[in-house]
N, C-alpha and C. Protein backbone atom coordinates (compact mmCIF):
# COMPACT_ATOMS: atom_id res chain seq x y z
N MET A 1 -2.23 6.82 -11.83
CA MET A 1 -2.39 6.06 -10.59
C MET A 1 -1.26 6.38 -9.62
N PHE A 2 -0.04 6.45 -10.17
CA PHE A 2 1.13 6.75 -9.33
C PHE A 2 0.99 8.13 -8.70
N THR A 3 0.58 9.10 -9.49
CA THR A 3 0.43 10.47 -8.98
C THR A 3 -0.68 10.53 -7.92
N PHE A 4 -1.77 9.84 -8.15
CA PHE A 4 -2.87 9.81 -7.19
C PHE A 4 -2.41 9.20 -5.86
N LEU A 5 -1.68 8.11 -5.92
CA LEU A 5 -1.19 7.48 -4.69
C LEU A 5 -0.18 8.36 -3.98
N THR A 6 0.65 9.05 -4.74
CA THR A 6 1.63 9.96 -4.13
C THR A 6 0.92 11.10 -3.39
N ILE A 7 -0.12 11.63 -3.99
CA ILE A 7 -0.88 12.70 -3.32
C ILE A 7 -1.55 12.18 -2.06
N LEU A 8 -2.10 10.96 -2.12
CA LEU A 8 -2.70 10.36 -0.92
C LEU A 8 -1.66 10.17 0.18
N ILE A 9 -0.47 9.74 -0.18
CA ILE A 9 0.60 9.54 0.82
C ILE A 9 0.94 10.87 1.48
N ILE A 10 1.03 11.92 0.70
CA ILE A 10 1.34 13.25 1.26
C ILE A 10 0.24 13.70 2.21
N LEU A 11 -1.02 13.52 1.81
CA LEU A 11 -2.14 13.94 2.66
C LEU A 11 -2.19 13.14 3.97
N VAL A 12 -1.99 11.83 3.89
CA VAL A 12 -2.01 11.01 5.10
C VAL A 12 -0.83 11.38 6.00
N SER A 13 0.31 11.68 5.41
CA SER A 13 1.48 12.08 6.21
C SER A 13 1.21 13.38 6.97
N ILE A 14 0.61 14.34 6.30
CA ILE A 14 0.27 15.60 6.96
C ILE A 14 -0.74 15.37 8.08
N PHE A 15 -1.71 14.48 7.84
CA PHE A 15 -2.70 14.16 8.86
C PHE A 15 -2.05 13.52 10.08
N ILE A 16 -1.09 12.63 9.85
CA ILE A 16 -0.38 11.98 10.97
C ILE A 16 0.43 13.01 11.76
N ILE A 17 1.06 13.92 11.04
CA ILE A 17 1.85 14.97 11.72
C ILE A 17 0.93 15.79 12.64
N LEU A 18 -0.24 16.17 12.12
CA LEU A 18 -1.18 16.94 12.94
C LEU A 18 -1.68 16.14 14.13
N LEU A 19 -1.95 14.85 13.93
CA LEU A 19 -2.40 14.01 15.05
C LEU A 19 -1.35 13.92 16.15
N VAL A 20 -0.11 13.75 15.75
CA VAL A 20 0.96 13.63 16.74
C VAL A 20 1.14 14.94 17.50
N LEU A 21 1.02 16.06 16.81
CA LEU A 21 1.16 17.35 17.48
C LEU A 21 0.01 17.63 18.45
N ILE A 22 -1.17 17.16 18.12
CA ILE A 22 -2.34 17.41 18.97
C ILE A 22 -2.33 16.55 20.22
N GLN A 23 -1.76 15.36 20.15
CA GLN A 23 -1.79 14.45 21.29
C GLN A 23 -1.11 15.05 22.51
N ASN A 24 -1.51 14.61 23.67
CA ASN A 24 -1.05 15.16 24.94
C ASN A 24 -0.14 14.14 25.64
N PRO A 25 1.16 14.18 25.38
CA PRO A 25 2.04 13.20 26.02
C PRO A 25 2.46 13.65 27.41
N LYS A 26 1.85 13.12 28.43
CA LYS A 26 2.21 13.36 29.82
C LYS A 26 2.25 14.85 30.18
N GLY A 27 1.24 15.57 29.84
CA GLY A 27 1.13 16.95 30.29
C GLY A 27 1.61 18.01 29.33
N GLY A 28 2.02 17.68 28.11
CA GLY A 28 2.49 18.70 27.19
C GLY A 28 1.77 18.59 25.86
N GLY A 29 2.27 19.24 24.88
CA GLY A 29 1.70 19.16 23.54
C GLY A 29 0.62 20.18 23.31
N LEU A 30 0.05 20.16 22.15
CA LEU A 30 -1.00 21.11 21.78
C LEU A 30 -2.37 20.68 22.29
N MET A 31 -2.47 19.49 22.85
CA MET A 31 -3.75 19.00 23.32
C MET A 31 -4.28 19.85 24.48
N GLY A 32 -3.40 20.53 25.20
CA GLY A 32 -3.84 21.36 26.32
C GLY A 32 -4.81 22.43 25.88
N GLY A 33 -4.54 23.08 24.77
CA GLY A 33 -5.43 24.11 24.27
C GLY A 33 -6.68 23.55 23.63
N LEU A 34 -6.55 22.40 23.00
CA LEU A 34 -7.69 21.79 22.32
C LEU A 34 -8.35 20.72 23.18
N GLY A 35 -7.81 20.47 24.33
CA GLY A 35 -8.28 19.37 25.17
C GLY A 35 -9.70 19.55 25.65
N ASN A 36 -10.08 20.76 26.00
CA ASN A 36 -11.43 20.99 26.49
C ASN A 36 -12.47 20.70 25.40
N THR A 37 -12.17 21.12 24.19
CA THR A 37 -13.10 20.88 23.08
C THR A 37 -13.21 19.39 22.80
N THR A 38 -12.06 18.70 22.74
CA THR A 38 -12.07 17.27 22.47
C THR A 38 -12.74 16.51 23.59
N SER A 39 -12.50 16.91 24.83
CA SER A 39 -13.10 16.23 25.97
C SER A 39 -14.61 16.40 25.97
N ASN A 40 -15.09 17.56 25.58
CA ASN A 40 -16.53 17.79 25.55
C ASN A 40 -17.20 16.96 24.46
N ILE A 41 -16.52 16.79 23.34
CA ILE A 41 -17.12 16.06 22.23
C ILE A 41 -17.04 14.56 22.45
N ILE A 42 -15.86 14.06 22.77
CA ILE A 42 -15.62 12.62 22.86
C ILE A 42 -15.80 12.10 24.28
N GLY A 43 -15.35 12.84 25.23
CA GLY A 43 -15.35 12.38 26.61
C GLY A 43 -13.93 12.37 27.12
N VAL A 44 -13.73 12.59 28.40
CA VAL A 44 -12.40 12.75 28.96
C VAL A 44 -11.59 11.47 28.85
N GLN A 45 -12.17 10.33 29.19
CA GLN A 45 -11.42 9.09 29.23
C GLN A 45 -11.09 8.56 27.83
N SER A 46 -12.00 8.70 26.91
CA SER A 46 -11.80 8.08 25.60
C SER A 46 -11.10 8.98 24.59
N ALA A 47 -10.84 10.24 24.94
CA ALA A 47 -10.20 11.15 23.98
C ALA A 47 -8.82 10.67 23.60
N GLY A 48 -8.02 10.26 24.59
CA GLY A 48 -6.67 9.77 24.31
C GLY A 48 -6.70 8.48 23.53
N ASP A 49 -7.65 7.60 23.84
CA ASP A 49 -7.75 6.32 23.13
C ASP A 49 -8.11 6.53 21.66
N VAL A 50 -9.03 7.44 21.40
CA VAL A 50 -9.44 7.71 20.03
C VAL A 50 -8.28 8.29 19.25
N MET A 51 -7.55 9.23 19.85
CA MET A 51 -6.41 9.84 19.17
C MET A 51 -5.33 8.79 18.87
N GLU A 52 -5.07 7.92 19.82
CA GLU A 52 -4.04 6.89 19.62
C GLU A 52 -4.47 5.89 18.54
N LYS A 53 -5.71 5.47 18.57
CA LYS A 53 -6.20 4.53 17.57
C LYS A 53 -6.21 5.16 16.18
N THR A 54 -6.55 6.44 16.11
CA THR A 54 -6.54 7.14 14.83
C THR A 54 -5.13 7.25 14.29
N THR A 55 -4.16 7.51 15.17
CA THR A 55 -2.77 7.60 14.74
C THR A 55 -2.28 6.26 14.22
N TRP A 56 -2.56 5.18 14.95
CA TRP A 56 -2.14 3.85 14.50
C TRP A 56 -2.82 3.47 13.19
N GLY A 57 -4.09 3.76 13.07
CA GLY A 57 -4.80 3.46 11.82
C GLY A 57 -4.25 4.23 10.64
N SER A 58 -3.93 5.50 10.87
CA SER A 58 -3.34 6.31 9.80
C SER A 58 -1.96 5.80 9.41
N ALA A 59 -1.19 5.35 10.39
CA ALA A 59 0.14 4.81 10.09
C ALA A 59 0.02 3.53 9.26
N ILE A 60 -0.95 2.70 9.57
CA ILE A 60 -1.15 1.47 8.80
C ILE A 60 -1.60 1.80 7.37
N ILE A 61 -2.48 2.79 7.23
CA ILE A 61 -2.90 3.22 5.90
C ILE A 61 -1.72 3.77 5.12
N LEU A 62 -0.86 4.55 5.76
CA LEU A 62 0.31 5.11 5.11
C LEU A 62 1.24 3.99 4.63
N PHE A 63 1.45 3.00 5.48
CA PHE A 63 2.30 1.86 5.11
C PHE A 63 1.71 1.12 3.90
N ALA A 64 0.42 0.88 3.92
CA ALA A 64 -0.23 0.17 2.82
C ALA A 64 -0.14 0.98 1.52
N LEU A 65 -0.31 2.30 1.61
CA LEU A 65 -0.19 3.14 0.41
C LEU A 65 1.23 3.10 -0.15
N CYS A 66 2.22 3.10 0.72
CA CYS A 66 3.61 3.04 0.26
C CYS A 66 3.90 1.72 -0.44
N VAL A 67 3.40 0.62 0.12
CA VAL A 67 3.62 -0.69 -0.51
C VAL A 67 2.88 -0.75 -1.85
N LEU A 68 1.66 -0.25 -1.89
CA LEU A 68 0.90 -0.24 -3.13
C LEU A 68 1.56 0.63 -4.19
N THR A 69 2.13 1.75 -3.78
CA THR A 69 2.81 2.63 -4.72
C THR A 69 4.04 1.96 -5.32
N ALA A 70 4.70 1.12 -4.54
CA ALA A 70 5.89 0.42 -5.05
C ALA A 70 5.52 -0.51 -6.20
N PHE A 71 4.29 -1.01 -6.22
CA PHE A 71 3.87 -1.91 -7.29
C PHE A 71 3.44 -1.17 -8.56
N VAL A 72 3.08 0.08 -8.44
CA VAL A 72 2.61 0.82 -9.61
C VAL A 72 3.61 1.88 -10.08
N VAL A 73 4.83 1.81 -9.62
CA VAL A 73 5.85 2.76 -10.06
C VAL A 73 6.07 2.56 -11.55
N PRO A 74 6.13 3.65 -12.32
CA PRO A 74 6.37 3.51 -13.76
C PRO A 74 7.70 2.82 -14.02
N LYS A 75 7.66 1.86 -14.92
CA LYS A 75 8.86 1.11 -15.24
C LYS A 75 9.41 1.60 -16.57
N SER A 76 10.70 1.33 -16.82
CA SER A 76 11.31 1.77 -18.07
C SER A 76 10.76 0.92 -19.21
N ASN A 77 10.79 1.45 -20.41
CA ASN A 77 10.24 0.77 -21.58
C ASN A 77 11.16 -0.32 -22.12
N SER A 78 12.42 -0.29 -21.74
CA SER A 78 13.37 -1.24 -22.33
C SER A 78 13.12 -2.66 -21.87
N GLY A 79 12.72 -2.83 -20.62
CA GLY A 79 12.48 -4.17 -20.11
C GLY A 79 13.75 -4.94 -19.83
N GLU A 80 14.89 -4.32 -19.95
CA GLU A 80 16.16 -5.00 -19.74
C GLU A 80 16.69 -4.81 -18.34
N GLY A 81 16.01 -4.06 -17.50
CA GLY A 81 16.50 -3.82 -16.16
C GLY A 81 17.45 -2.64 -16.13
N VAL A 82 18.48 -2.76 -15.34
CA VAL A 82 19.43 -1.67 -15.17
C VAL A 82 20.35 -1.59 -16.38
N GLN A 83 20.53 -0.39 -16.87
CA GLN A 83 21.41 -0.17 -18.01
C GLN A 83 22.60 0.66 -17.58
N THR A 84 23.68 0.48 -18.30
CA THR A 84 24.85 1.30 -18.00
C THR A 84 24.68 2.67 -18.64
N LEU A 85 25.49 3.61 -18.20
CA LEU A 85 25.38 4.97 -18.72
C LEU A 85 25.73 5.03 -20.20
N THR A 86 26.68 4.21 -20.64
CA THR A 86 27.05 4.25 -22.06
C THR A 86 25.91 3.72 -22.93
N GLU A 87 25.19 2.71 -22.46
CA GLU A 87 24.06 2.21 -23.23
C GLU A 87 22.96 3.26 -23.32
N GLU A 88 22.73 3.96 -22.20
CA GLU A 88 21.71 5.00 -22.21
C GLU A 88 22.12 6.15 -23.12
N ALA A 89 23.41 6.49 -23.11
CA ALA A 89 23.89 7.56 -23.98
C ALA A 89 23.79 7.15 -25.44
N ALA A 90 24.05 5.88 -25.74
CA ALA A 90 23.95 5.41 -27.11
C ALA A 90 22.51 5.46 -27.60
N LYS A 91 21.57 5.10 -26.73
CA LYS A 91 20.17 5.14 -27.12
C LYS A 91 19.67 6.57 -27.27
N ALA A 92 20.22 7.48 -26.48
CA ALA A 92 19.80 8.87 -26.55
C ALA A 92 20.54 9.63 -27.64
N LYS A 93 21.47 8.95 -28.31
CA LYS A 93 22.27 9.56 -29.38
C LYS A 93 23.02 10.79 -28.90
N VAL A 94 23.64 10.65 -27.74
CA VAL A 94 24.44 11.73 -27.17
C VAL A 94 25.77 11.74 -27.90
N PRO A 95 26.19 12.89 -28.39
CA PRO A 95 27.48 12.92 -29.10
C PRO A 95 28.62 12.60 -28.15
N THR A 96 29.53 11.82 -28.65
CA THR A 96 30.70 11.46 -27.85
C THR A 96 31.87 12.32 -28.28
N VAL A 97 32.90 12.33 -27.49
CA VAL A 97 34.10 13.10 -27.82
C VAL A 97 34.83 12.38 -28.94
N PRO A 98 35.09 13.07 -30.07
CA PRO A 98 35.77 12.38 -31.18
C PRO A 98 37.21 12.04 -30.81
N GLN A 99 37.62 10.87 -31.26
CA GLN A 99 39.00 10.44 -31.03
C GLN A 99 39.87 11.02 -32.14
N SER A 100 41.01 11.52 -31.77
CA SER A 100 41.94 12.11 -32.73
C SER A 100 42.64 11.01 -33.51
N ALA A 101 42.67 11.16 -34.85
CA ALA A 101 43.33 10.17 -35.69
C ALA A 101 44.83 10.38 -35.70
N THR A 102 45.27 11.58 -35.44
CA THR A 102 46.72 11.84 -35.44
C THR A 102 47.27 11.66 -34.04
N PRO A 103 48.44 11.07 -33.94
CA PRO A 103 49.01 10.89 -32.60
C PRO A 103 49.45 12.23 -32.02
N ALA A 104 49.53 12.28 -30.73
CA ALA A 104 49.97 13.49 -30.05
C ALA A 104 51.45 13.72 -30.34
N PRO A 105 51.86 14.99 -30.43
CA PRO A 105 53.28 15.26 -30.71
C PRO A 105 54.16 14.74 -29.57
N ALA A 106 55.35 14.33 -29.96
CA ALA A 106 56.30 13.81 -28.97
C ALA A 106 56.83 14.97 -28.13
N ALA A 107 57.21 14.65 -26.93
CA ALA A 107 57.75 15.66 -26.03
C ALA A 107 59.10 16.15 -26.57
N PRO A 108 59.37 17.43 -26.42
CA PRO A 108 60.66 17.93 -26.93
C PRO A 108 61.82 17.33 -26.14
N THR A 109 62.91 17.13 -26.87
CA THR A 109 64.09 16.58 -26.23
C THR A 109 64.93 17.72 -25.66
N ALA A 110 65.71 17.39 -24.70
CA ALA A 110 66.57 18.40 -24.08
C ALA A 110 67.70 18.76 -25.05
N PRO A 111 68.06 20.05 -25.11
CA PRO A 111 69.15 20.44 -26.03
C PRO A 111 70.48 19.82 -25.60
N ALA A 112 71.27 19.57 -26.58
CA ALA A 112 72.58 18.96 -26.31
C ALA A 112 73.45 19.98 -25.57
N GLN A 113 74.13 19.51 -24.59
CA GLN A 113 74.98 20.41 -23.80
C GLN A 113 76.40 20.46 -24.41
N PRO A 114 76.96 21.64 -24.50
CA PRO A 114 78.32 21.76 -25.05
C PRO A 114 79.34 21.14 -24.09
N LYS A 115 80.39 20.56 -24.68
CA LYS A 115 81.45 19.93 -23.89
C LYS A 115 82.55 20.84 -23.57
C-alpha cells in the first residue's frame, strides 16, 4: 500500500509540474505553442479556467495522498517508539569494542639529572 501511494504521489507531482509549465502566465510559458490547440478544443475563454482548476484539483489530490501515506507508513516491530543506537546495536548483535582488562602502561618518568 505504501509503495502504491508513493508511486501515485510521484505521478501526480509530475502531472502538476507539466500543468504549471503549460499554463500561460501573462504572455509567457509553453502555452503559447500549445495555446491554439487548447483554444480550439476547450475554447479561448475557458482554457485558462480549466487549467487553473485542474492544477488546484491536482494539488488537493497530492495533499490528500501525502496525508494518507503518513498513516500507512511501515512502523517498526518493537512498538517501543524511538530507540537509542546502543539498544539497536544490542538487538542487532553488533560486536562492541572489547575493553582491555590490563591497565595502560604508566608514562615514563624523566631521567634524573646529574648534580
